[in-house]
Amino acid sequence: MRQPMTDLPKVAICFASADMVHADFALSLAGLCASAHPIETSIVNAKSSIVAEARNRCVALAREHDAAFLLFLDSDMVFPRTALQQLLAHQKQIVGATYPKRVAPHSVLGAALTNGRVEHEGALIEMRHMPTGCLLIDMTVFDALDAPNFRFLVEAETGAIIGEDYDFCDRARAAGFSIWCDSRLSFEIGHIGQSVHRISSWES
């Protein structure tokens, strides 16, 4: 029987990737795993060029590990050693941290509910959409949703592609789940970008 949230649940730490990951992500992951004790954790990696497919594979692997929670950490993220404990402490079924886009103007991803609730003196904000780069999800959420849990959609009127993370949020909220953002943790994580630097002047 799955443990209640007040106990220390087993957590599958899952990341989707291609063949390689950022060194800074690897260092953050090592620090998080080293600090996780006494929480029982397993590390899951799904490789695919299609991120929705990789996320669905992560869910399947988390089930194989009999995890009570799945923590998505994207391979282009950095995060504090205590991120897992901070998210578990909220005792929410879907809770994570948000972060800026990697490209200018670096707008913050996700969207709060209009007139949404705020808990714990501003630490938690109820969200309409959350990105999946640092997101803790109770495995029972996946049981309540139709498969595949993650998929891309195309908006009929505009032709815009709806990302697998926002579609997941829409369906989770429709199924009765609330989605939360830890605003404090959001200031402690980073999204690894890429820049090109060129010589602007040169004197020999």
C-alpha atoms as a PDB file:
ATOM      1  CA  MET A   1       0.000   0.000   0.000  1.00  0.00           C
ATOM      2  CA  ARG A   2       1.285   3.457  -0.888  1.00  0.00           C
ATOM      3  CA  GLN A   3       2.454   5.549   2.064  1.00  0.00           C
ATOM      4  CA  PRO A   4       0.548   8.677   3.090  1.00  0.00           C
ATOM      5  CA  MET A   5       2.122  12.005   2.228  1.00  0.00           C
ATOM      6  CA  THR A   6       3.038  12.680   5.880  1.00  0.00           C
ATOM      7  CA  ASP A   7       5.538   9.754   5.746  1.00  0.00           C
ATOM      8  CA  LEU A   8       8.686   9.692   3.655  1.00  0.00           C
ATOM      9  CA  PRO A   9       7.552   8.437   0.242  1.00  0.00           C
ATOM     10  CA  LYS A  10       9.701   6.781  -2.399  1.00  0.00           C
ATOM     11  CA  VAL A  11      10.524   9.281  -5.145  1.00  0.00           C
ATOM     12  CA  ALA A  12      11.593   8.605  -8.717  1.00  0.00           C
ATOM     13  CA  ILE A  13      13.835  11.476  -9.850  1.00  0.00           C
ATOM     14  CA  CYS A  14      13.260  11.592 -13.592  1.00  0.00           C
ATOM     15  CA  PHE A  15      14.910  13.503 -16.387  1.00  0.00           C
ATOM     16  CA  ALA A  16      14.397  13.374 -20.120  1.00  0.00           C
ATOM     17  CA  SER A  17      17.446  13.963 -22.276  1.00  0.00           C
ATOM     18  CA  ALA A  18      19.267  13.340 -25.500  1.00  0.00           C
ATOM     19  CA  ASP A  19      22.603  11.510 -25.334  1.00  0.00           C
ATOM     20  CA  MET A  20      24.280  14.102 -23.085  1.00  0.00           C
ATOM     21  CA  VAL A  21      23.342  16.448 -20.242  1.00  0.00           C
ATOM     22  CA  HIS A  22      24.827  19.715 -18.958  1.00  0.00           C
ATOM     23  CA  ALA A  23      27.672  19.340 -16.469  1.00  0.00           C
ATOM     24  CA  ASP A  24      26.042  21.872 -14.135  1.00  0.00           C
ATOM     25  CA  PHE A  25      22.837  19.823 -14.157  1.00  0.00           C
ATOM     26  CA  ALA A  26      24.821  16.680 -13.301  1.00  0.00           C
ATOM     27  CA  LEU A  27      26.442  18.469 -10.358  1.00  0.00           C
ATOM     28  CA  SER A  28      23.069  19.722  -9.116  1.00  0.00           C
ATOM     29  CA  LEU A  29      21.576  16.234  -9.428  1.00  0.00           C
ATOM     30  CA  ALA A  30      24.496  14.699  -7.505  1.00  0.00           C
ATOM     31  CA  GLY A  31      24.044  17.247  -4.723  1.00  0.00           C
ATOM     32  CA  LEU A  32      20.301  16.646  -4.528  1.00  0.00           C
ATOM     33  CA  CYS A  33      20.735  12.866  -4.367  1.00  0.00           C
ATOM     34  CA  ALA A  34      23.448  13.139  -1.717  1.00  0.00           C
ATOM     35  CA  SER A  35      21.131  15.285   0.422  1.00  0.00           C
ATOM     36  CA  ALA A  36      17.969  13.201  -0.091  1.00  0.00           C
ATOM     37  CA  HIS A  37      18.530  10.712   2.767  1.00  0.00           C
ATOM     38  CA  PRO A  38      16.436   9.363   4.455  1.00  0.00           C
ATOM     39  CA  ILE A  39      14.059   9.736   1.473  1.00  0.00           C
ATOM     40  CA  GLU A  40      14.301   6.647  -0.743  1.00  0.00           C
ATOM     41  CA  THR A  41      14.997   7.720  -4.318  1.00  0.00           C
ATOM     42  CA  SER A  42      15.670   6.158  -7.700  1.00  0.00           C
ATOM     43  CA  ILE A  43      17.111   7.892 -10.765  1.00  0.00           C
ATOM     44  CA  VAL A  44      15.272   7.516 -14.055  1.00  0.00           C
ATOM     45  CA  ASN A  45      16.448   8.746 -17.456  1.00  0.00           C
ATOM     46  CA  ALA A  46      14.465   8.510 -20.691  1.00  0.00           C
ATOM     47  CA  LYS A  47      16.248   9.406 -23.915  1.00  0.00           C
ATOM     48  CA  SER A  48      14.210  10.699 -26.832  1.00  0.00           C
ATOM     49  CA  SER A  49      14.198  13.624 -29.237  1.00  0.00           C
ATOM     50  CA  ILE A  50      10.444  13.910 -28.543  1.00  0.00           C
ATOM     51  CA  VAL A  51      10.082  15.320 -25.032  1.00  0.00           C
ATOM     52  CA  ALA A  52       6.462  14.179 -24.554  1.00  0.00           C
ATOM     53  CA  GLU A  53       7.489  10.617 -25.401  1.00  0.00           C
ATOM     54  CA  ALA A  54      10.373  10.804 -22.933  1.00  0.00           C
ATOM     55  CA  ARG A  55       8.130  12.102 -20.155  1.00  0.00           C
ATOM     56  CA  ASN A  56       5.654   9.270 -20.699  1.00  0.00           C
ATOM     57  CA  ARG A  57       8.543   6.793 -20.528  1.00  0.00           C
ATOM     58  CA  CYS A  58       9.616   8.406 -17.242  1.00  0.00           C
ATOM     59  CA  VAL A  59       6.130   7.843 -15.816  1.00  0.00           C
ATOM     60  CA  ALA A  60       6.254   4.178 -16.857  1.00  0.00           C
ATOM     61  CA  LEU A  61       9.701   3.724 -15.296  1.00  0.00           C
ATOM     62  CA  ALA A  62       8.593   5.440 -12.075  1.00  0.00           C
ATOM     63  CA  ARG A  63       5.758   2.915 -11.845  1.00  0.00           C
ATOM     64  CA  GLU A  64       8.255   0.085 -12.327  1.00  0.00           C
ATOM     65  CA  HIS A  65      10.225   1.487  -9.379  1.00  0.00           C
ATOM     66  CA  ASP A  66       7.007   1.573  -7.300  1.00  0.00           C
ATOM     67  CA  ALA A  67       7.496   5.276  -6.628  1.00  0.00           C
ATOM     68  CA  ALA A  68       4.866   7.289  -4.773  1.00  0.00           C
ATOM     69  CA  PHE A  69       6.071  10.544  -6.336  1.00  0.00           C
ATOM     70  CA  LEU A  70       7.830  11.518  -9.546  1.00  0.00           C
ATOM     71  CA  LEU A  71      10.157  14.527  -9.565  1.00  0.00           C
ATOM     72  CA  PHE A  72      10.794  15.886 -13.051  1.00  0.00           C
ATOM     73  CA  LEU A  73      14.110  17.719 -13.366  1.00  0.00           C
ATOM     74  CA  ASP A  74      15.037  18.880 -16.851  1.00  0.00           C
ATOM     75  CA  SER A  75      18.624  18.336 -17.940  1.00  0.00           C
ATOM     76  CA  ASP A  76      19.111  22.062 -18.597  1.00  0.00           C
ATOM     77  CA  MET A  77      18.263  23.089 -15.019  1.00  0.00           C
ATOM     78  CA  VAL A  78      20.277  23.824 -11.879  1.00  0.00           C
ATOM     79  CA  PHE A  79      18.664  23.620  -8.445  1.00  0.00           C
ATOM     80  CA  PRO A  80      19.545  23.561  -4.730  1.00  0.00           C
ATOM     81  CA  ARG A  81      20.439  20.355  -2.893  1.00  0.00           C
ATOM     82  CA  THR A  82      17.268  20.631  -0.799  1.00  0.00           C
ATOM     83  CA  ALA A  83      14.803  21.100  -3.686  1.00  0.00           C
ATOM     84  CA  LEU A  84      13.194  17.682  -3.161  1.00  0.00           C
ATOM     85  CA  GLN A  85      12.666  18.215   0.564  1.00  0.00           C
ATOM     86  CA  GLN A  86      11.272  21.693  -0.033  1.00  0.00           C
ATOM     87  CA  LEU A  87       8.686  20.399  -2.498  1.00  0.00           C
ATOM     88  CA  LEU A  88       7.693  17.344  -0.439  1.00  0.00           C
ATOM     89  CA  ALA A  89       7.190  19.520   2.645  1.00  0.00           C
ATOM     90  CA  HIS A  90       4.237  21.262   0.961  1.00  0.00           C
ATOM     91  CA  GLN A  91       2.272  17.981   0.886  1.00  0.00           C
ATOM     92  CA  LYS A  92       0.684  18.820  -2.476  1.00  0.00           C
ATOM     93  CA  GLN A  93      -0.084  16.427  -5.320  1.00  0.00           C
ATOM     94  CA  ILE A  94       1.419  18.735  -7.975  1.00  0.00           C
ATOM     95  CA  VAL A  95       3.963  21.332  -6.896  1.00  0.00           C
ATOM     96  CA  GLY A  96       7.094  22.755  -8.449  1.00  0.00           C
ATOM     97  CA  ALA A  97       9.166  25.814  -9.209  1.00  0.00           C
ATOM     98  CA  THR A  98       9.121  28.030 -12.259  1.00  0.00           C
ATOM     99  CA  TYR A  99      11.933  29.741 -14.149  1.00  0.00           C
ATOM    100  CA  PRO A 100      12.592  32.053 -17.107  1.00  0.00           C
ATOM    101  CA  LYS A 101      12.843  31.068 -20.750  1.00  0.00           C
ATOM    102  CA  ARG A 102      16.371  30.532 -22.038  1.00  0.00           C
ATOM    103  CA  VAL A 103      16.014  33.149 -24.779  1.00  0.00           C
ATOM    104  CA  ALA A 104      15.280  36.878 -24.621  1.00  0.00           C
ATOM    105  CA  PRO A 105      13.185  38.442 -23.261  1.00  0.00           C
ATOM    106  CA  HIS A 106      13.491  35.614 -20.677  1.00  0.00           C
ATOM    107  CA  SER A 107       9.861  35.758 -19.569  1.00  0.00           C
ATOM    108  CA  VAL A 108       8.854  33.575 -16.623  1.00  0.00           C
ATOM    109  CA  LEU A 109       7.148  30.338 -17.643  1.00  0.00           C
ATOM    110  CA  GLY A 110       3.729  29.302 -16.362  1.00  0.00           C
ATOM    111  CA  ALA A 111       0.641  31.285 -15.388  1.00  0.00           C
ATOM    112  CA  ALA A 112      -1.054  31.833 -12.046  1.00  0.00           C
ATOM    113  CA  LEU A 113      -4.788  31.390 -11.666  1.00  0.00           C
ATOM    114  CA  THR A 114      -6.689  34.657 -11.842  1.00  0.00           C
ATOM    115  CA  ASN A 115      -7.305  35.636  -8.208  1.00  0.00           C
ATOM    116  CA  GLY A 116      -5.585  32.388  -7.294  1.00  0.00           C
ATOM    117  CA  ARG A 117      -4.913  31.339  -3.724  1.00  0.00           C
ATOM    118  CA  VAL A 118      -1.587  32.036  -2.046  1.00  0.00           C
ATOM    119  CA  GLU A 119      -0.470  29.883   0.879  1.00  0.00           C
ATOM    120  CA  HIS A 120       2.307  29.971   3.475  1.00  0.00           C
ATOM    121  CA  GLU A 121       2.897  33.727   3.374  1.00  0.00           C
ATOM    122  CA  GLY A 122       3.446  33.758  -0.367  1.00  0.00           C
ATOM    123  CA  ALA A 123       5.569  30.605  -0.607  1.00  0.00           C
ATOM    124  CA  LEU A 124       2.913  28.786  -2.645  1.00  0.00           C
ATOM    125  CA  ILE A 125       0.935  30.221  -5.547  1.00  0.00           C
ATOM    126  CA  GLU A 126      -1.889  28.299  -7.201  1.00  0.00           C
ATOM    127  CA  MET A 127      -1.191  28.009 -10.917  1.00  0.00           C
ATOM    128  CA  ARG A 128      -3.082  27.445 -14.140  1.00  0.00           C
ATOM    129  CA  HIS A 129       0.037  26.262 -15.964  1.00  0.00           C
ATOM    130  CA  MET A 130       3.466  25.164 -14.744  1.00  0.00           C
ATOM    131  CA  PRO A 131       6.550  24.138 -16.714  1.00  0.00           C
ATOM    132  CA  THR A 132       7.817  20.632 -16.036  1.00  0.00           C
ATOM    133  CA  GLY A 133      11.511  21.376 -15.505  1.00  0.00           C
ATOM    134  CA  CYS A 134      11.211  21.146 -11.713  1.00  0.00           C
ATOM    135  CA  LEU A 135       7.880  19.562 -10.863  1.00  0.00           C
ATOM    136  CA  LEU A 136       6.914  17.024  -8.173  1.00  0.00           C
ATOM    137  CA  ILE A 137       3.837  14.919  -9.019  1.00  0.00           C
ATOM    138  CA  ASP A 138       1.996  12.336  -6.931  1.00  0.00           C
ATOM    139  CA  MET A 139       1.794   9.150  -9.020  1.00  0.00           C
ATOM    140  CA  THR A 140      -1.953   8.926  -8.348  1.00  0.00           C
ATOM    141  CA  VAL A 141      -2.371  11.963 -10.624  1.00  0.00           C
ATOM    142  CA  PHE A 142      -1.217   9.904 -13.609  1.00  0.00           C
ATOM    143  CA  ASP A 143      -3.662   7.138 -12.661  1.00  0.00           C
ATOM    144  CA  ALA A 144      -6.521   9.642 -12.927  1.00  0.00           C
ATOM    145  CA  LEU A 145      -5.609  10.876 -16.420  1.00  0.00           C
ATOM    146  CA  ASP A 146      -6.049   9.188 -19.775  1.00  0.00           C
ATOM    147  CA  ALA A 147      -2.923   7.937 -21.493  1.00  0.00           C
ATOM    148  CA  PRO A 148      -0.723   9.304 -22.826  1.00  0.00           C
ATOM    149  CA  ASN A 149      -0.138  11.543 -19.828  1.00  0.00           C
ATOM    150  CA  PHE A 150       1.993  13.924 -21.908  1.00  0.00           C
ATOM    151  CA  ARG A 151       1.207  14.917 -25.488  1.00  0.00           C
ATOM    152  CA  PHE A 152       1.409  17.871 -27.839  1.00  0.00           C
ATOM    153  CA  LEU A 153      -1.768  19.548 -29.055  1.00  0.00           C
ATOM    154  CA  VAL A 154      -2.448  22.027 -31.848  1.00  0.00           C
ATOM    155  CA  GLU A 155      -4.850  24.887 -31.176  1.00  0.00           C
ATOM    156  CA  ALA A 156      -7.512  24.652 -33.856  1.00  0.00           C
ATOM    157  CA  GLU A 157      -8.081  28.391 -34.362  1.00  0.00           C
ATOM    158  CA  THR A 158      -4.482  29.638 -34.416  1.00  0.00           C
ATOM    159  CA  GLY A 159      -2.479  26.535 -35.260  1.00  0.00           C
ATOM    160  CA  ALA A 160      -0.282  27.191 -32.211  1.00  0.00           C
ATOM    161  CA  ILE A 161       1.365  24.160 -30.630  1.00  0.00           C
ATOM    162  CA  ILE A 162       0.421  23.590 -26.988  1.00  0.00           C
ATOM    163  CA  GLY A 163       3.356  22.126 -25.081  1.00  0.00           C
ATOM    164  CA  GLU A 164       3.110  18.786 -23.311  1.00  0.00           C
ATOM    165  CA  ASP A 165       3.505  20.469 -19.903  1.00  0.00           C
ATOM    166  CA  TYR A 166       0.661  22.968 -20.308  1.00  0.00           C
ATOM    167  CA  ASP A 167      -1.645  20.308 -21.780  1.00  0.00           C
ATOM    168  CA  PHE A 168      -0.877  18.098 -18.763  1.00  0.00           C
ATOM    169  CA  CYS A 169      -1.774  20.978 -16.448  1.00  0.00           C
ATOM    170  CA  ASP A 170      -5.075  21.608 -18.259  1.00  0.00           C
ATOM    171  CA  ARG A 171      -6.116  17.973 -17.987  1.00  0.00           C
ATOM    172  CA  ALA A 172      -4.947  17.627 -14.371  1.00  0.00           C
ATOM    173  CA  ARG A 173      -6.955  20.675 -13.335  1.00  0.00           C
ATOM    174  CA  ALA A 174      -9.988  19.365 -15.250  1.00  0.00           C
ATOM    175  CA  ALA A 175      -9.663  16.147 -13.247  1.00  0.00           C
ATOM    176  CA  GLY A 176      -9.851  18.118  -9.998  1.00  0.00           C
ATOM    177  CA  PHE A 177      -6.176  18.535  -9.080  1.00  0.00           C
ATOM    178  CA  SER A 178      -4.635  21.829  -7.975  1.00  0.00           C
ATOM    179  CA  ILE A 179      -1.228  22.928  -9.263  1.00  0.00           C
ATOM    180  CA  TRP A 180       1.141  24.898  -7.056  1.00  0.00           C
ATOM    181  CA  CYS A 181       4.313  26.924  -7.487  1.00  0.00           C
ATOM    182  CA  ASP A 182       6.878  27.378  -4.715  1.00  0.00           C
ATOM    183  CA  SER A 183       7.770  31.022  -5.303  1.00  0.00           C
ATOM    184  CA  ARG A 184      10.780  30.918  -2.973  1.00  0.00           C
ATOM    185  CA  LEU A 185      12.315  27.885  -4.650  1.00  0.00           C
ATOM    186  CA  SER A 186      11.708  29.560  -8.010  1.00  0.00           C
ATOM    187  CA  PHE A 187      14.338  32.154  -7.082  1.00  0.00           C
ATOM    188  CA  GLU A 188      16.844  29.388  -6.255  1.00  0.00           C
ATOM    189  CA  ILE A 189      16.809  27.441  -9.522  1.00  0.00           C
ATOM    190  CA  GLY A 190      18.261  28.322 -12.905  1.00  0.00           C
ATOM    191  CA  HIS A 191      17.623  27.560 -16.558  1.00  0.00           C
ATOM    192  CA  ILE A 192      20.832  26.895 -18.488  1.00  0.00           C
ATOM    193  CA  GLY A 193      20.932  28.814 -21.753  1.00  0.00           C
ATOM    194  CA  GLN A 194      23.324  29.157 -24.618  1.00  0.00           C
ATOM    195  CA  SER A 195      25.054  32.289 -25.940  1.00  0.00           C
ATOM    196  CA  VAL A 196      27.485  32.991 -28.704  1.00  0.00           C
ATOM    197  CA  HIS A 197      30.301  35.479 -27.974  1.00  0.00           C
ATOM    198  CA  ARG A 198      32.210  37.237 -30.758  1.00  0.00           C
ATOM    199  CA  ILE A 199      35.144  39.630 -30.809  1.00  0.00           C
ATOM    200  CA  SER A 200      33.962  43.228 -30.772  1.00  0.00           C
ATOM    201  CA  SER A 201      37.422  44.815 -31.047  1.00  0.00           C
ATOM    202  CA  TRP A 202      40.974  43.552 -31.392  1.00  0.00           C
ATOM    203  CA  GLU A 203      44.290  45.289 -31.055  1.00  0.00           C
ATOM    204  CA  SER A 204      47.495  43.373 -31.771  1.00  0.00           C
END
